[in-house]
């Protein structure tokens, strides 16, 4: 399970209205890269055959099985304060993260 906070949901809905086209949903994923080995990603995309559709706090989103293994139990938040860096994923499966908060191992 991946949890979206109220702040994340509000920002996702704004972005969805501006950027998503018909049939697209938010995709949350993990890919190789970043300074710690893996990095988080989010985009709007159409559902693929191997995707699961998850729901949190009234928002449904796409995730592939591999990304779900890395992200299960995570909380996605959005920080828009003075030092805010945008979306923040708190991942209990990460053994370490880099300073930017976008990559982990």
C-alpha atoms as a PDB file:
ATOM      1  CA  UNK A   1       0.000   0.000   0.000  1.00  0.00           C
ATOM      2  CA  UNK A   2       1.157   3.510  -0.822  1.00  0.00           C
ATOM      3  CA  UNK A   3      -0.424   6.432   1.020  1.00  0.00           C
ATOM      4  CA  UNK A   4      -0.949   9.901  -0.448  1.00  0.00           C
ATOM      5  CA  UNK A   5      -1.237  12.739   2.055  1.00  0.00           C
ATOM      6  CA  UNK A   6      -3.868  15.471   1.731  1.00  0.00           C
ATOM      7  CA  UNK A   7      -1.217  17.916   0.457  1.00  0.00           C
ATOM      8  CA  UNK A   8      -0.031  15.414  -2.161  1.00  0.00           C
ATOM      9  CA  UNK A   9      -3.607  14.769  -3.305  1.00  0.00           C
ATOM     10  CA  UNK A  10      -4.304  18.488  -3.707  1.00  0.00           C
ATOM     11  CA  UNK A  11      -1.168  18.961  -5.820  1.00  0.00           C
ATOM     12  CA  UNK A  12      -1.823  15.829  -7.890  1.00  0.00           C
ATOM     13  CA  UNK A  13      -5.335  17.048  -8.697  1.00  0.00           C
ATOM     14  CA  UNK A  14      -3.956  20.430  -9.819  1.00  0.00           C
ATOM     15  CA  UNK A  15      -1.333  18.791 -12.020  1.00  0.00           C
ATOM     16  CA  UNK A  16      -3.844  16.308 -13.401  1.00  0.00           C
ATOM     17  CA  UNK A  17      -6.153  19.142 -14.486  1.00  0.00           C
ATOM     18  CA  UNK A  18      -3.252  20.931 -16.210  1.00  0.00           C
ATOM     19  CA  UNK A  19      -1.185  18.103 -17.678  1.00  0.00           C
ATOM     20  CA  UNK A  20      -3.070  14.800 -17.975  1.00  0.00           C
ATOM     21  CA  UNK A  21      -4.896  13.884 -21.158  1.00  0.00           C
ATOM     22  CA  UNK A  22      -7.948  11.638 -21.431  1.00  0.00           C
ATOM     23  CA  UNK A  23      -7.282   8.135 -20.167  1.00  0.00           C
ATOM     24  CA  UNK A  24      -4.141   9.065 -18.252  1.00  0.00           C
ATOM     25  CA  UNK A  25      -3.573   8.592 -14.540  1.00  0.00           C
ATOM     26  CA  UNK A  26      -0.731   9.394 -12.230  1.00  0.00           C
ATOM     27  CA  UNK A  27       2.068   6.830 -12.432  1.00  0.00           C
ATOM     28  CA  UNK A  28       4.448   6.407  -9.493  1.00  0.00           C
ATOM     29  CA  UNK A  29       7.593   4.474 -10.327  1.00  0.00           C
ATOM     30  CA  UNK A  30      11.169   3.608  -9.460  1.00  0.00           C
ATOM     31  CA  UNK A  31      13.951   3.480 -12.027  1.00  0.00           C
ATOM     32  CA  UNK A  32      17.695   2.937 -12.008  1.00  0.00           C
ATOM     33  CA  UNK A  33      19.643   6.162 -11.617  1.00  0.00           C
ATOM     34  CA  UNK A  34      20.239   9.018  -9.245  1.00  0.00           C
ATOM     35  CA  UNK A  35      23.177   9.316  -6.905  1.00  0.00           C
ATOM     36  CA  UNK A  36      22.073   6.410  -4.675  1.00  0.00           C
ATOM     37  CA  UNK A  37      21.208   3.738  -7.251  1.00  0.00           C
ATOM     38  CA  UNK A  38      17.449   4.201  -7.754  1.00  0.00           C
ATOM     39  CA  UNK A  39      15.307   7.259  -8.185  1.00  0.00           C
ATOM     40  CA  UNK A  40      11.633   8.030  -7.761  1.00  0.00           C
ATOM     41  CA  UNK A  41       9.492   9.217 -10.619  1.00  0.00           C
ATOM     42  CA  UNK A  42       5.964  10.446 -11.200  1.00  0.00           C
ATOM     43  CA  UNK A  43       4.213  11.156 -14.497  1.00  0.00           C
ATOM     44  CA  UNK A  44       0.832  10.938 -16.143  1.00  0.00           C
ATOM     45  CA  UNK A  45       0.485   7.861 -18.314  1.00  0.00           C
ATOM     46  CA  UNK A  46      -1.962   5.367 -19.798  1.00  0.00           C
ATOM     47  CA  UNK A  47      -2.387   2.001 -18.096  1.00  0.00           C
ATOM     48  CA  UNK A  48      -0.127  -0.775 -19.339  1.00  0.00           C
ATOM     49  CA  UNK A  49      -0.930  -4.489 -19.195  1.00  0.00           C
ATOM     50  CA  UNK A  50       1.271  -5.216 -16.173  1.00  0.00           C
ATOM     51  CA  UNK A  51       0.165  -2.178 -14.130  1.00  0.00           C
ATOM     52  CA  UNK A  52      -1.827  -2.267 -10.951  1.00  0.00           C
ATOM     53  CA  UNK A  53      -4.271   0.504 -10.115  1.00  0.00           C
ATOM     54  CA  UNK A  54      -4.009   1.562  -6.472  1.00  0.00           C
ATOM     55  CA  UNK A  55      -6.051   4.159  -4.631  1.00  0.00           C
ATOM     56  CA  UNK A  56      -5.280   6.407  -1.697  1.00  0.00           C
ATOM     57  CA  UNK A  57      -7.211   9.317  -0.276  1.00  0.00           C
ATOM     58  CA  UNK A  58      -9.574   9.384  -3.282  1.00  0.00           C
ATOM     59  CA  UNK A  59      -6.873   9.351  -5.977  1.00  0.00           C
ATOM     60  CA  UNK A  60      -6.219   6.300  -8.121  1.00  0.00           C
ATOM     61  CA  UNK A  61      -2.759   5.834  -9.612  1.00  0.00           C
ATOM     62  CA  UNK A  62      -0.733   3.355 -11.643  1.00  0.00           C
ATOM     63  CA  UNK A  63       2.250   1.347 -10.475  1.00  0.00           C
ATOM     64  CA  UNK A  64       4.149  -1.580 -11.954  1.00  0.00           C
ATOM     65  CA  UNK A  65       4.932  -4.661  -9.866  1.00  0.00           C
ATOM     66  CA  UNK A  66       8.664  -3.931  -9.546  1.00  0.00           C
ATOM     67  CA  UNK A  67       8.092  -0.363  -8.367  1.00  0.00           C
ATOM     68  CA  UNK A  68       5.500  -1.580  -5.866  1.00  0.00           C
ATOM     69  CA  UNK A  69       8.072  -3.932  -4.343  1.00  0.00           C
ATOM     70  CA  UNK A  70      10.370  -0.968  -3.670  1.00  0.00           C
ATOM     71  CA  UNK A  71       7.624   1.456  -2.612  1.00  0.00           C
ATOM     72  CA  UNK A  72       5.231  -0.700  -0.570  1.00  0.00           C
ATOM     73  CA  UNK A  73       4.499   1.077   2.705  1.00  0.00           C
ATOM     74  CA  UNK A  74       5.640   4.484   1.423  1.00  0.00           C
ATOM     75  CA  UNK A  75       3.958   7.819   2.068  1.00  0.00           C
ATOM     76  CA  UNK A  76       3.885  10.448  -0.682  1.00  0.00           C
ATOM     77  CA  UNK A  77       3.670  14.021   0.604  1.00  0.00           C
ATOM     78  CA  UNK A  78       3.975  17.457  -0.991  1.00  0.00           C
ATOM     79  CA  UNK A  79       6.014  20.230   0.626  1.00  0.00           C
ATOM     80  CA  UNK A  80       5.265  23.714  -0.675  1.00  0.00           C
ATOM     81  CA  UNK A  81       6.805  25.703   2.184  1.00  0.00           C
ATOM     82  CA  UNK A  82       9.772  28.061   2.006  1.00  0.00           C
ATOM     83  CA  UNK A  83      12.267  25.225   1.809  1.00  0.00           C
ATOM     84  CA  UNK A  84       9.824  22.960   0.007  1.00  0.00           C
ATOM     85  CA  UNK A  85      11.158  20.609  -2.583  1.00  0.00           C
ATOM     86  CA  UNK A  86       7.910  19.373  -4.097  1.00  0.00           C
ATOM     87  CA  UNK A  87       6.851  15.770  -3.741  1.00  0.00           C
ATOM     88  CA  UNK A  88       8.535  13.856  -0.950  1.00  0.00           C
ATOM     89  CA  UNK A  89       8.436  10.061  -0.702  1.00  0.00           C
ATOM     90  CA  UNK A  90       9.043   8.580   2.724  1.00  0.00           C
ATOM     91  CA  UNK A  91      10.066   5.026   1.907  1.00  0.00           C
ATOM     92  CA  UNK A  92      10.521   2.536   4.761  1.00  0.00           C
ATOM     93  CA  UNK A  93      12.281   0.134   2.355  1.00  0.00           C
ATOM     94  CA  UNK A  94      15.162   2.497   1.559  1.00  0.00           C
ATOM     95  CA  UNK A  95      18.365   1.683   3.401  1.00  0.00           C
ATOM     96  CA  UNK A  96      19.728   5.143   2.576  1.00  0.00           C
ATOM     97  CA  UNK A  97      18.762   8.241   0.596  1.00  0.00           C
ATOM     98  CA  UNK A  98      20.723  11.054  -0.961  1.00  0.00           C
ATOM     99  CA  UNK A  99      20.510  14.689   0.059  1.00  0.00           C
ATOM    100  CA  UNK A 100      18.096  15.616  -2.746  1.00  0.00           C
ATOM    101  CA  UNK A 101      15.519  13.068  -1.532  1.00  0.00           C
ATOM    102  CA  UNK A 102      14.902  11.780  -5.053  1.00  0.00           C
ATOM    103  CA  UNK A 103      17.154   8.758  -4.996  1.00  0.00           C
ATOM    104  CA  UNK A 104      17.710   5.829  -2.640  1.00  0.00           C
ATOM    105  CA  UNK A 105      19.121   2.355  -2.295  1.00  0.00           C
END
